[in-house]
Structure formats: structure tokens, C-alpha cells
């Protein structure tokens, strides 16, 4: 397919999510500029006193947006995926499903074929990326109008630091009415945000509230669906104790397996471990950070204007080659895509990394149609002659790295390019 890369990115959910997050970060900066907010006004909240962090999260975002134009489907089990054919035993993943579908055992990431076994009357609707973009931008307009202290979490979630607003409102209300609690002021602000978002988008959000980012995010567990929850820091040890360790930032699947092998499966287990043991297992810095978070401690500030460290892309679906010429064209087109992204971001880079997935010896076809399946990962980096974003310069270097890695075309299952030292 001569237009494979263009078609891939036009329909790739992960591509839209990753690139739109960057768009949203720029959009939030522009919203602040339009409101005349200075760098001082977007700085961190006043250091004295307790922080108030809100984690705002759309409920079943893709489905909720899809139901705006399909009101007849409300109350029925609905999911979003590439596959919509009811008779198809599809290997496509479900990106989002509503609570009616979840009640039947369907979950995000499940393949459509399995979901339909669990829920035969499941209705699958297609992606609508432009509608997601419009709803998301509306959310951020409301949030920035509330406070400039907004960190973009993604298309469907955001973090707010409303400490200064809460302190000011608590002082005003306290002067008028004795006994007005800080928690009640937080609750009223969250209710107002939720109502504004519903009226503007016809989609529901849930809001988790606490004194740091970790606890605010975890509080959304008890806020959903369509609600809000304030998690006092003094209640955190009890509330967090039974949760799986994967809820702690920095613990992915590999670390979770390592901890499970050591008999550590819950946050309570983590909290009860000697620091020396965690540091021996995970490293000095990671062990300390994870133990602190298990105790509910998180002093991370909001990142309202994150720096860009790299630009790149990777394709790991539909990669099937027979000849070196096919690989060469694919690599050229991928370098052109990276060039376009760098030009959009107005950056140049000095280092490039080529990443490949090679089909494991003896591995059959992937479970997911045209997916990469079982693979071994390879990567190689090189310094570019000068700061550049030119497609041909990227191609010349990546072509040389490809030759050094020497993966047969028929065994290639994914190709990625990352430019660093921007």
C-alpha cells in the first residue's frame, strides 16, 4: 500500500491520543495567553498550607461522545472499536465501553470477539476523533477559565491545582460564616466544574480531590461514575491499603511481577516492607519513591508547560515485508513523518534512534490480525552530523543503522524512529 503510513495514522487510536496530548498542551498555553496570564500567574501555588489538587476524568469518554449523536443507545451496552460487524469474531481491541457493557464483564482492551461472547447484545460504534477533539478542547477551556494551574493529562483527563482559589474562598466564606470547612469549598468547586462540563459537552466527568496528585487520581476510583470524592490525606493509609501495587506510579507490569514474586501484591504489602529491601529490589531512588507513594506521600508539582525531549514515531501493526526495497520505502516514508512532526513542533535534533521488532524464531501469526506478535526488540542510535529535522538526513542515518541491525525483511514486525537532543 503506497499510502500505508498516512492511512495508518489517520485511523490509529494511539497516534491520535499521543499527538493530541501535545496539541492540548499548546492549546492550554494559548488559552492562558488569550486570558493575559503571565508566567508568574501560572507558576506553582503558594507554598504555605495544604494543597488542593483536583483530578478531572471523563467517564467512558469515547462512548460518551459517541452517544451524543446516538441518544437511542443510552442505557444499552456500547463499546468503541475499529470493528463494528456483529457477526465478526474480531481481534480488534475495545478502546472504551460504558458501564452497561462493564456490568456484563466487558472491559477496555478486551478483543471484540470475546466481548461479544460475554455480552451478545453489545453495540460497537466507530471512533470519531474530531468529535473527541472538540469535546476535549471544550473541557480545557472550562478548566483554564477556572485556574491557570492546569496540567494536561490527556484527551480525557486533567489535573488542577486550585490551592490558591480554595484558600481565598475559604478565607472569604470563613469571614462570612463560621464553621465553613475547606472540604465543603472544594466540593462546591468540583460540583460547579462538573456541571459546566456537562452543559458544554453533554459528557460527564468525575473529580477526585486530595492534597497531592497521587491521592487525587486514586480518589477518582471512588468518584466514578459521574461523581466526586474528597480523600483526606489522613484517610489515605486505610483507603490505599487493599489496592494492587499497579496503582502506584512507576510500577508497570515488569515491576509488579517482580514484587509479586516477593509476595508483595498490595499497597499495604509495600508499606510494610523495609526500605532497604525495596531499594535492593528496585534500586535506591525507585525504592524510596515507591515506598513514599505507598504511604500517600507525593510532592510532585503540576507540570503546566512540559519541555519536549524527543520527537518520533513507531508502527507495530500491519508491518509485513518481502523485499529490502519495500523496507527502504517504508523507512523513507517514516522519516518524512518524523520530519513533519519536528517541523510542527519547530525543533531540530542531534541524535536519532532506530527501533525494530523482529519476529521470534518459531513464532506463529499474531493473535491480533497483522499485529506484531511475539518479538525480540533491537535498537541502535547515532549522532547526526548537525542539528536537523530534514527527512533525507534522518533517512541516511537510519538506513545505515538498519543495515547494521541486519534484520531480514520477512521478520520485521515494527519500525520506530526517535530523534533526541532537541
Protein backbone atom coordinates (compact mmCIF):
# COMPACT_ATOMS: atom_id res chain seq x y z
CA UNK A 1 0.00 0.00 0.00
CA UNK A 2 1.70 3.17 -1.20
CA UNK A 3 -0.28 5.24 1.33
CA UNK A 4 0.02 2.81 4.24
CA UNK A 5 1.64 5.23 6.70
CA UNK A 6 -0.84 8.03 6.00
CA UNK A 7 -3.80 5.64 6.30
CA UNK A 8 -2.34 4.08 9.44
CA UNK A 9 -2.05 7.40 11.24
CA UNK A 10 -5.49 8.52 10.06
CA UNK A 11 -7.09 5.58 11.90
CA UNK A 12 -4.64 4.82 14.73
CA UNK A 13 -6.13 5.48 18.17
CA UNK A 14 -2.72 5.55 19.88
CA UNK A 15 -1.41 8.02 17.32
CA UNK A 16 -4.34 10.37 17.87
CA UNK A 17 -4.02 10.12 21.66
CA UNK A 18 -0.29 10.83 21.72
CA UNK A 19 -0.28 13.65 19.17
CA UNK A 20 -3.40 15.28 20.55
CA UNK A 21 -1.87 15.45 24.02
CA UNK A 22 0.86 17.65 22.56
CA UNK A 23 -1.77 19.72 20.74
CA UNK A 24 -3.64 20.18 24.00
CA UNK A 25 -0.52 21.31 25.84
CA UNK A 26 -0.02 24.01 23.20
CA UNK A 27 -3.73 24.84 23.31
CA UNK A 28 -3.65 25.37 27.08
CA UNK A 29 -0.66 27.70 26.70
CA UNK A 30 -2.59 29.66 24.06
CA UNK A 31 -5.68 29.83 26.30
CA UNK A 32 -3.57 31.29 29.07
CA UNK A 33 -2.08 33.82 26.65
CA UNK A 34 -5.53 34.86 25.46
CA UNK A 35 -6.56 35.50 29.06
CA UNK A 36 -3.49 37.64 29.64
CA UNK A 37 -1.95 35.30 32.19
CA UNK A 38 1.74 35.86 32.88
CA UNK A 39 4.38 33.26 33.73
CA UNK A 40 4.08 34.42 37.35
CA UNK A 41 0.34 33.77 37.45
CA UNK A 42 0.84 30.27 36.01
CA UNK A 43 3.56 29.39 38.50
CA UNK A 44 3.20 26.96 41.38
CA UNK A 45 0.67 27.58 44.09
CA UNK A 46 1.70 29.37 47.25
CA UNK A 47 3.85 27.03 49.27
CA UNK A 48 2.27 27.66 52.70
CA UNK A 49 -0.55 25.44 53.90
CA UNK A 50 -2.11 22.32 52.41
CA UNK A 51 -2.53 21.87 48.67
CA UNK A 52 -5.82 21.15 46.95
CA UNK A 53 -5.45 19.06 43.78
CA UNK A 54 -8.34 18.03 41.54
CA UNK A 55 -8.11 15.18 39.06
CA UNK A 56 -10.81 15.59 36.39
CA UNK A 57 -11.60 12.50 34.33
CA UNK A 58 -14.25 11.98 31.64
CA UNK A 59 -16.41 8.90 32.23
CA UNK A 60 -16.20 6.37 29.36
CA UNK A 61 -15.06 9.23 27.15
CA UNK A 62 -15.15 7.69 23.66
CA UNK A 63 -18.53 6.09 24.28
CA UNK A 64 -19.95 9.22 25.92
CA UNK A 65 -19.00 11.34 22.91
CA UNK A 66 -20.42 8.73 20.52
CA UNK A 67 -23.76 8.67 22.34
CA UNK A 68 -24.31 12.39 21.83
CA UNK A 69 -25.36 11.66 18.23
CA UNK A 70 -26.93 8.31 19.15
CA UNK A 71 -29.27 9.07 22.08
CA UNK A 72 -31.28 5.94 21.28
CA UNK A 73 -28.33 3.84 22.52
CA UNK A 74 -28.30 5.31 26.02
CA UNK A 75 -28.88 2.61 28.62
CA UNK A 76 -27.63 -0.12 26.26
CA UNK A 77 -24.20 -1.82 26.35
CA UNK A 78 -21.94 0.12 23.98
CA UNK A 79 -18.24 -0.08 23.10
CA UNK A 80 -15.90 1.76 20.71
CA UNK A 81 -13.61 -0.15 18.36
CA UNK A 82 -12.49 -0.42 14.74
CA UNK A 83 -14.73 -3.46 14.31
CA UNK A 84 -18.49 -2.95 14.03
CA UNK A 85 -19.64 -6.14 12.27
CA UNK A 86 -21.80 -8.03 14.81
CA UNK A 87 -21.08 -11.40 13.19
CA UNK A 88 -17.32 -10.96 13.10
CA UNK A 89 -15.12 -12.86 15.57
CA UNK A 90 -12.88 -9.84 15.63
CA UNK A 91 -9.42 -9.48 17.19
CA UNK A 92 -9.82 -5.69 17.34
CA UNK A 93 -9.43 -4.20 20.82
CA UNK A 94 -12.15 -2.33 22.66
CA UNK A 95 -10.93 1.19 23.37
CA UNK A 96 -13.82 2.23 25.60
CA UNK A 97 -17.02 0.70 26.94
CA UNK A 98 -19.82 2.06 29.08
CA UNK A 99 -20.98 0.83 32.48
CA UNK A 100 -23.80 -1.25 30.98
CA UNK A 101 -21.20 -3.22 29.00
CA UNK A 102 -18.92 -3.49 32.04
CA UNK A 103 -21.77 -4.99 34.04
CA UNK A 104 -21.73 -7.90 31.57
CA UNK A 105 -17.98 -8.43 32.03
CA UNK A 106 -16.71 -6.37 29.10
CA UNK A 107 -13.59 -4.27 29.75
CA UNK A 108 -11.33 -1.85 27.91
CA UNK A 109 -8.58 -3.66 25.99
CA UNK A 110 -10.66 -6.82 25.53
CA UNK A 111 -10.95 -8.13 21.99
CA UNK A 112 -14.35 -7.61 20.39
CA UNK A 113 -14.87 -11.32 19.74
CA UNK A 114 -14.52 -12.16 23.45
CA UNK A 115 -16.65 -9.17 24.47
CA UNK A 116 -19.50 -10.37 22.27
CA UNK A 117 -19.33 -13.80 23.87
CA UNK A 118 -19.85 -12.16 27.26
CA UNK A 119 -22.39 -9.62 26.01
CA UNK A 120 -24.17 -10.82 22.83
CA UNK A 121 -26.19 -7.59 22.55
CA UNK A 122 -23.08 -5.39 22.70
CA UNK A 123 -23.28 -2.48 20.25
CA UNK A 124 -19.93 -1.39 18.78
CA UNK A 125 -19.59 2.10 17.34
CA UNK A 126 -16.63 3.59 15.43
CA UNK A 127 -14.00 6.09 16.50
CA UNK A 128 -14.88 9.75 15.99
CA UNK A 129 -11.60 11.56 16.56
CA UNK A 130 -12.74 15.04 15.53
CA UNK A 131 -15.62 14.87 17.99
CA UNK A 132 -13.24 13.75 20.75
CA UNK A 133 -11.00 16.70 19.91
CA UNK A 134 -13.89 19.17 20.13
CA UNK A 135 -15.12 17.82 23.49
CA UNK A 136 -11.62 17.77 24.93
CA UNK A 137 -10.84 21.32 23.88
CA UNK A 138 -14.10 22.46 25.47
CA UNK A 139 -13.08 20.76 28.73
CA UNK A 140 -9.77 22.60 28.81
CA UNK A 141 -11.46 25.93 28.04
CA UNK A 142 -13.55 25.47 31.18
CA UNK A 143 -10.60 24.39 33.31
CA UNK A 144 -8.28 27.24 32.28
CA UNK A 145 -11.13 29.70 32.92
CA UNK A 146 -11.20 28.33 36.47
CA UNK A 147 -7.44 28.32 37.15
CA UNK A 148 -4.26 28.66 35.08
CA UNK A 149 -2.81 25.80 37.13
CA UNK A 150 -3.77 23.03 34.66
CA UNK A 151 -1.66 20.03 33.69
CA UNK A 152 -2.74 18.18 30.56
CA UNK A 153 -3.21 14.51 31.40
CA UNK A 154 -4.56 13.54 28.01
CA UNK A 155 -7.60 13.84 25.83
CA UNK A 156 -9.93 12.77 28.63
CA UNK A 157 -8.22 13.79 31.87
CA UNK A 158 -6.57 16.80 33.50
CA UNK A 159 -5.03 17.85 36.81
CA UNK A 160 -5.77 21.15 38.51
CA UNK A 161 -4.05 22.85 41.43
CA UNK A 162 -6.78 25.03 42.98
CA UNK A 163 -4.96 25.68 46.26
CA UNK A 164 -4.89 29.46 45.88
CA UNK A 165 -8.56 29.59 44.87
CA UNK A 166 -9.63 27.37 47.77
CA UNK A 167 -7.56 29.34 50.27
CA UNK A 168 -9.03 32.63 49.06
CA UNK A 169 -12.61 31.34 49.01
CA UNK A 170 -12.24 29.65 52.39
CA UNK A 171 -11.00 32.92 53.87
CA UNK A 172 -13.90 34.85 52.33
CA UNK A 173 -16.51 32.34 53.42
CA UNK A 174 -14.92 31.97 56.84
CA UNK A 175 -15.26 35.69 57.37
CA UNK A 176 -18.95 35.46 56.50
CA UNK A 177 -19.94 32.14 58.02
CA UNK A 178 -18.33 30.41 60.93
CA UNK A 179 -17.56 26.73 60.51
CA UNK A 180 -17.29 26.63 56.71
CA UNK A 181 -14.84 23.79 56.01
CA UNK A 182 -12.15 23.72 53.37
CA UNK A 183 -13.60 20.41 52.17
CA UNK A 184 -17.00 21.97 51.53
CA UNK A 185 -15.41 24.73 49.45
CA UNK A 186 -13.56 22.07 47.38
CA UNK A 187 -16.79 20.12 46.94
CA UNK A 188 -18.72 23.16 45.72
CA UNK A 189 -15.99 24.00 43.18
CA UNK A 190 -15.94 20.40 41.89
CA UNK A 191 -19.73 20.39 41.56
CA UNK A 192 -19.56 23.61 39.54
CA UNK A 193 -16.88 22.20 37.22
CA UNK A 194 -18.83 19.00 36.63
CA UNK A 195 -22.00 20.94 35.81
CA UNK A 196 -20.19 23.28 33.43
CA UNK A 197 -18.59 20.38 31.56
CA UNK A 198 -21.92 18.54 31.28
CA UNK A 199 -23.74 21.59 29.95
CA UNK A 200 -20.99 22.34 27.42
CA UNK A 201 -20.23 18.81 26.19
CA UNK A 202 -23.13 16.55 27.23
CA UNK A 203 -20.46 14.26 28.70
CA UNK A 204 -19.97 13.50 32.39
CA UNK A 205 -16.73 13.93 34.32
CA UNK A 206 -15.75 12.59 37.73
CA UNK A 207 -13.47 14.55 40.05
CA UNK A 208 -11.02 13.19 42.59
CA UNK A 209 -9.84 15.67 45.22
CA UNK A 210 -6.96 15.47 47.66
CA UNK A 211 -3.70 17.12 48.75
CA UNK A 212 -1.42 15.66 46.09
CA UNK A 213 -1.56 14.31 42.55
CA UNK A 214 -1.34 10.63 43.56
CA UNK A 215 -4.24 10.76 46.01
CA UNK A 216 -6.40 12.94 43.76
CA UNK A 217 -6.01 10.44 40.91
CA UNK A 218 -6.78 7.49 43.19
CA UNK A 219 -9.80 9.37 44.56
CA UNK A 220 -11.43 9.13 41.11
CA UNK A 221 -11.87 5.40 41.85
CA UNK A 222 -14.49 6.33 44.42
CA UNK A 223 -15.81 9.31 42.47
CA UNK A 224 -16.91 7.28 39.44
CA UNK A 225 -19.34 7.19 37.85
CA UNK A 226 -20.45 10.79 37.44
CA UNK A 227 -19.44 11.99 40.89
CA UNK A 228 -16.70 13.42 43.06
CA UNK A 229 -14.76 12.22 46.07
CA UNK A 230 -12.58 14.06 48.58
CA UNK A 231 -9.80 11.87 50.02
CA UNK A 232 -8.32 13.44 53.17
CA UNK A 233 -4.63 12.67 53.49
CA UNK A 234 -5.20 11.20 56.95
CA UNK A 235 -7.58 8.61 55.43
CA UNK A 236 -5.12 7.61 52.69
CA UNK A 237 -3.39 4.73 54.53
CA UNK A 238 -6.69 2.91 55.10
CA UNK A 239 -8.10 3.65 51.65
CA UNK A 240 -4.96 2.71 49.73
CA UNK A 241 -4.02 -0.41 51.71
CA UNK A 242 -6.04 -3.04 49.76
CA UNK A 243 -5.31 -1.63 46.28
CA UNK A 244 -2.99 -3.56 43.91
CA UNK A 245 0.55 -2.20 43.66
CA UNK A 246 -0.01 -1.26 39.99
CA UNK A 247 -1.85 1.86 41.20
CA UNK A 248 1.46 3.36 42.33
CA UNK A 249 3.17 5.49 39.61
CA UNK A 250 6.36 3.82 38.42
CA UNK A 251 5.07 0.27 38.89
CA UNK A 252 4.43 -1.30 35.49
CA UNK A 253 3.87 -4.92 34.60
CA UNK A 254 7.52 -5.94 34.94
CA UNK A 255 7.95 -4.34 38.37
CA UNK A 256 4.58 -5.68 39.53
CA UNK A 257 5.67 -9.23 38.60
CA UNK A 258 8.96 -8.78 40.44
CA UNK A 259 7.11 -7.57 43.55
CA UNK A 260 4.54 -10.39 43.29
CA UNK A 261 7.36 -12.94 43.18
CA UNK A 262 8.47 -11.47 46.50
CA UNK A 263 4.98 -11.75 47.97
CA UNK A 264 4.16 -8.04 47.56
CA UNK A 265 0.83 -7.57 45.78
CA UNK A 266 -0.98 -4.74 47.60
CA UNK A 267 -0.09 -1.22 48.69
CA UNK A 268 -0.34 -2.49 52.28
CA UNK A 269 2.37 -5.03 51.47
CA UNK A 270 4.54 -2.27 50.00
CA UNK A 271 4.09 -0.07 53.04
CA UNK A 272 5.14 -2.87 55.37
CA UNK A 273 8.42 -3.57 53.58
CA UNK A 274 11.71 -2.30 54.99
CA UNK A 275 13.05 0.45 52.78
CA UNK A 276 16.34 -1.41 52.39
CA UNK A 277 14.52 -4.40 50.86
CA UNK A 278 12.62 -2.28 48.33
CA UNK A 279 15.80 -0.45 47.35
CA UNK A 280 17.62 -3.75 46.93
CA UNK A 281 14.84 -4.98 44.61
CA UNK A 282 14.10 -1.79 42.68
CA UNK A 283 17.11 0.47 43.08
CA UNK A 284 17.83 3.22 45.64
CA UNK A 285 15.80 6.01 44.04
CA UNK A 286 12.86 3.93 42.79
CA UNK A 287 12.60 2.02 46.08
CA UNK A 288 12.38 5.26 48.07
CA UNK A 289 9.87 6.90 45.72
CA UNK A 290 7.60 3.86 45.65
CA UNK A 291 7.62 3.47 49.42
CA UNK A 292 6.77 7.17 49.87
CA UNK A 293 3.85 6.87 47.47
CA UNK A 294 2.64 3.74 49.26
CA UNK A 295 2.40 5.98 52.33
CA UNK A 296 0.36 8.52 50.34
CA UNK A 297 3.24 11.00 50.06
CA UNK A 298 3.65 12.78 46.72
CA UNK A 299 5.25 16.21 46.39
CA UNK A 300 5.26 16.35 42.59
CA UNK A 301 4.27 19.80 41.29
CA UNK A 302 1.99 20.26 38.33
CA UNK A 303 3.83 20.48 35.01
CA UNK A 304 1.92 23.21 33.22
CA UNK A 305 4.42 23.75 30.37
CA UNK A 306 6.34 20.48 29.87
CA UNK A 307 9.56 20.61 27.85
CA UNK A 308 9.86 18.48 24.71
CA UNK A 309 12.73 15.96 24.94
CA UNK A 310 12.20 13.90 21.78
CA UNK A 311 10.10 13.52 18.65
CA UNK A 312 9.42 10.25 16.93
CA UNK A 313 7.00 7.58 15.86
CA UNK A 314 6.66 3.81 15.69
CA UNK A 315 4.43 1.49 13.67
CA UNK A 316 3.85 -2.00 15.02
CA UNK A 317 0.73 -3.06 13.13
CA UNK A 318 0.48 -4.16 9.52
CA UNK A 319 4.28 -4.36 9.13
CA UNK A 320 4.86 -7.17 6.65
CA UNK A 321 7.66 -7.05 4.06
CA UNK A 322 9.08 -9.39 1.43
CA UNK A 323 11.94 -7.39 -0.12
CA UNK A 324 14.59 -4.86 1.00
CA UNK A 325 13.10 -2.33 -1.43
CA UNK A 326 9.81 -2.41 0.47
CA UNK A 327 11.62 -1.80 3.76
CA UNK A 328 13.58 1.04 2.21
CA UNK A 329 10.44 2.85 1.02
CA UNK A 330 8.78 2.34 4.39
CA UNK A 331 11.82 3.80 6.16
CA UNK A 332 11.84 6.83 3.84
CA UNK A 333 8.16 7.46 4.47
CA UNK A 334 8.60 7.09 8.23
CA UNK A 335 11.47 9.61 8.20
CA UNK A 336 9.19 12.01 6.33
CA UNK A 337 6.57 11.57 9.04
CA UNK A 338 9.14 12.37 11.75
CA UNK A 339 10.26 15.42 9.76
CA UNK A 340 6.65 16.66 9.62
CA UNK A 341 6.25 16.26 13.36
CA UNK A 342 9.50 18.06 14.09
CA UNK A 343 8.55 20.92 11.77
CA UNK A 344 5.19 21.23 13.54
CA UNK A 345 7.00 21.38 16.89
CA UNK A 346 9.63 23.81 15.49
CA UNK A 347 12.54 21.67 16.71
CA UNK A 348 15.69 20.05 15.33
CA UNK A 349 17.66 17.16 16.82
CA UNK A 350 21.22 15.91 17.12
CA UNK A 351 20.66 12.20 17.84
CA UNK A 352 18.45 9.52 16.30
CA UNK A 353 17.48 6.02 17.47
CA UNK A 354 16.10 3.27 15.25
CA UNK A 355 13.97 0.64 17.00
CA UNK A 356 12.93 -2.66 15.43
CA UNK A 357 10.84 -5.63 16.44
CA UNK A 358 11.95 -8.94 14.95
CA UNK A 359 9.60 -11.90 14.93
CA UNK A 360 10.80 -14.51 17.39
CA UNK A 361 12.09 -17.70 15.85
CA UNK A 362 9.27 -20.22 15.52
CA UNK A 363 6.57 -17.67 16.41
CA UNK A 364 3.32 -18.10 14.54
CA UNK A 365 0.99 -15.38 13.33
CA UNK A 366 -0.02 -12.81 15.95
CA UNK A 367 -3.30 -13.19 17.82
CA UNK A 368 -4.33 -9.75 16.65
CA UNK A 369 -4.73 -9.57 12.89
CA UNK A 370 -1.48 -8.16 11.42
CA UNK A 371 -0.19 -7.35 14.91
CA UNK A 372 3.49 -7.75 15.77
CA UNK A 373 3.03 -10.87 17.95
CA UNK A 374 5.98 -12.37 19.84
CA UNK A 375 9.11 -10.40 19.01
CA UNK A 376 12.63 -9.59 20.09
CA UNK A 377 13.46 -5.89 20.39
CA UNK A 378 16.52 -4.23 18.84
CA UNK A 379 17.66 -0.62 18.80
CA UNK A 380 20.66 1.37 17.66
CA UNK A 381 21.48 5.09 17.98
CA UNK A 382 23.72 7.51 16.11
CA UNK A 383 24.71 11.14 16.32
CA UNK A 384 23.53 13.25 13.40
CA UNK A 385 26.12 15.40 11.58
CA UNK A 386 24.35 18.56 12.75
CA UNK A 387 21.09 19.73 14.30
CA UNK A 388 18.49 18.83 11.72
CA UNK A 389 14.95 17.74 11.02
CA UNK A 390 15.41 17.12 7.30
CA UNK A 391 13.85 13.84 6.17
CA UNK A 392 16.76 12.88 3.91
CA UNK A 393 19.33 13.38 6.69
CA UNK A 394 17.25 11.22 9.01
CA UNK A 395 16.84 8.58 6.31
CA UNK A 396 20.56 8.37 5.53
CA UNK A 397 21.41 7.73 9.18
CA UNK A 398 18.52 5.35 9.84
CA UNK A 399 19.30 3.38 6.66
CA UNK A 400 22.83 2.85 7.93
CA UNK A 401 21.55 1.73 11.34
CA UNK A 402 19.08 -0.63 9.64
CA UNK A 403 21.94 -2.27 7.74
CA UNK A 404 23.89 -2.72 10.96
CA UNK A 405 20.96 -4.41 12.71
CA UNK A 406 20.58 -6.79 9.73
CA UNK A 407 17.00 -7.96 10.33
CA UNK A 408 15.60 -9.92 7.34
CA UNK A 409 12.62 -8.08 5.77
CA UNK A 410 10.27 -11.03 6.30
CA UNK A 411 10.95 -10.97 10.05
CA UNK A 412 10.35 -7.26 10.66
CA UNK A 413 7.22 -6.57 12.72
CA UNK A 414 7.70 -2.97 13.90
CA UNK A 415 9.85 0.03 12.98
CA UNK A 416 10.31 3.14 15.12
CA UNK A 417 12.37 6.31 14.84
CA UNK A 418 13.10 8.67 17.75
CA UNK A 419 15.04 11.94 17.48
CA UNK A 420 16.60 13.25 20.71
CA UNK A 421 18.87 16.08 21.91
CA UNK A 422 16.46 18.67 20.54
